[in-house]
Each structure stands twice: as structure tokens, then as C-alpha cells.
Amino acid sequence: MKMTIRFKMILGFGILSLLILGIVTFVISLRIGSDIQRISQEDMLQLAQTKADVLNRQIEKLQWELKILAANYKQT
């Protein structure tokens, strides 16, 4: 089977297009993967900070309660 120049050009263009598409897809997937990882890490840090703030407020309330109890204990 003899390949015509037209068939060779179409085949070459098709292979080149597939190669470029594969490289672009790979690069995009790498960028998206790193973006997802960064966003996930930021969300985890924000969640940890929020929980730390809640715990800090609870500790402050408990300290005030302890001071009130200590003051009442001294009065009796």
C-alpha cells in the first residue's frame, strides 16, 4: 500500500496534534493539582485557626468562672 503525500501530511498533523494536546493536558493537570493542594491546605489552616479561636474563648470564660469561684470562696 502506497501512502500519498496527502495521507502522510494528515497523519503527521494528527500525530502532532495529539502530542500537543497530551502535553497541554498534562501541564493543565499539574497546575490544577497544585492549586487544589494549595486551596486544601489554606482551608485546613483556616479551620484550625477557627477551632483555636473557639477554644481560646472557652478558656477565657473558664478563667473568669474560676476567678469568680475563687472570689466567692475567699468571702466565705
Protein backbone atom coordinates (compact mmCIF):
# COMPACT_ATOMS: atom_id res chain seq x y z
CA MET A 1 0.00 0.00 0.00
CA LYS A 2 1.49 3.23 -1.14
CA MET A 3 0.95 6.33 1.03
CA THR A 4 0.18 9.53 -0.75
CA ILE A 5 1.74 12.81 0.31
CA ARG A 6 -1.69 14.00 1.40
CA PHE A 7 -2.16 10.98 3.69
CA LYS A 8 1.32 11.48 5.16
CA MET A 9 0.60 15.14 5.87
CA ILE A 10 -2.74 14.33 7.51
CA LEU A 11 -1.15 11.56 9.58
CA GLY A 12 1.73 13.80 10.64
CA PHE A 13 -0.61 16.65 11.53
CA GLY A 14 -2.84 14.27 13.50
CA ILE A 15 0.06 12.81 15.48
CA LEU A 16 1.47 16.27 16.16
CA SER A 17 -1.97 17.49 17.28
CA LEU A 18 -2.36 14.53 19.64
CA LEU A 19 1.11 15.12 21.06
CA ILE A 20 0.42 18.82 21.68
CA LEU A 21 -2.98 18.01 23.20
CA GLY A 22 -1.37 15.45 25.52
CA ILE A 23 1.31 17.89 26.67
CA VAL A 24 -1.23 20.68 27.26
CA THR A 25 -3.49 18.30 29.20
CA PHE A 26 -0.56 17.16 31.33
CA VAL A 27 0.50 20.73 32.13
CA ILE A 28 -3.06 21.75 32.99
CA SER A 29 -3.50 18.75 35.27
CA LEU A 30 -0.26 19.61 37.09
CA ARG A 31 -1.40 23.21 37.65
CA ILE A 32 -4.86 22.21 38.77
CA GLY A 33 -3.39 19.60 41.12
CA SER A 34 -1.10 22.12 42.77
CA ASP A 35 -3.94 24.67 43.02
CA ILE A 36 -6.22 22.11 44.65
CA GLN A 37 -3.48 21.18 47.11
CA ARG A 38 -2.88 24.85 47.99
CA ILE A 39 -6.58 25.56 48.44
CA SER A 40 -7.00 22.46 50.58
CA GLN A 41 -4.08 23.47 52.78
CA GLU A 42 -5.47 27.00 53.18
CA ASP A 43 -8.87 25.59 54.14
CA MET A 44 -7.29 23.30 56.74
CA LEU A 45 -5.31 26.18 58.21
CA GLN A 46 -8.44 28.34 58.37
CA LEU A 47 -10.37 25.53 60.04
CA ALA A 48 -7.60 25.00 62.59
CA GLN A 49 -7.49 28.75 63.31
CA THR A 50 -11.26 28.85 63.81
CA LYS A 51 -11.14 25.92 66.22
CA ALA A 52 -8.26 27.54 68.10
CA ASP A 53 -10.28 30.77 68.41
CA VAL A 54 -13.27 28.86 69.80
CA LEU A 55 -11.06 27.07 72.32
CA ASN A 56 -9.44 30.36 73.31
CA ARG A 57 -12.86 31.91 74.03
CA GLN A 58 -13.87 28.87 76.09
CA ILE A 59 -10.65 29.05 78.10
CA GLU A 60 -11.22 32.76 78.77
CA LYS A 61 -14.76 32.04 80.00
CA LEU A 62 -13.48 29.27 82.26
CA GLN A 63 -10.80 31.57 83.66
CA TRP A 64 -13.45 34.16 84.53
CA GLU A 65 -15.58 31.49 86.18
CA LEU A 66 -12.56 30.32 88.16
CA LYS A 67 -11.85 33.89 89.31
CA ILE A 68 -15.48 34.31 90.40
CA LEU A 69 -15.42 31.00 92.27
CA ALA A 70 -12.13 31.92 93.94
CA ALA A 71 -13.53 35.31 94.98
CA ASN A 72 -16.67 33.66 96.40
CA TYR A 73 -14.56 31.08 98.23
CA LYS A 74 -12.48 33.82 99.89
CA GLN A 75 -15.64 35.60 101.06
CA THR A 76 -16.99 32.52 102.87
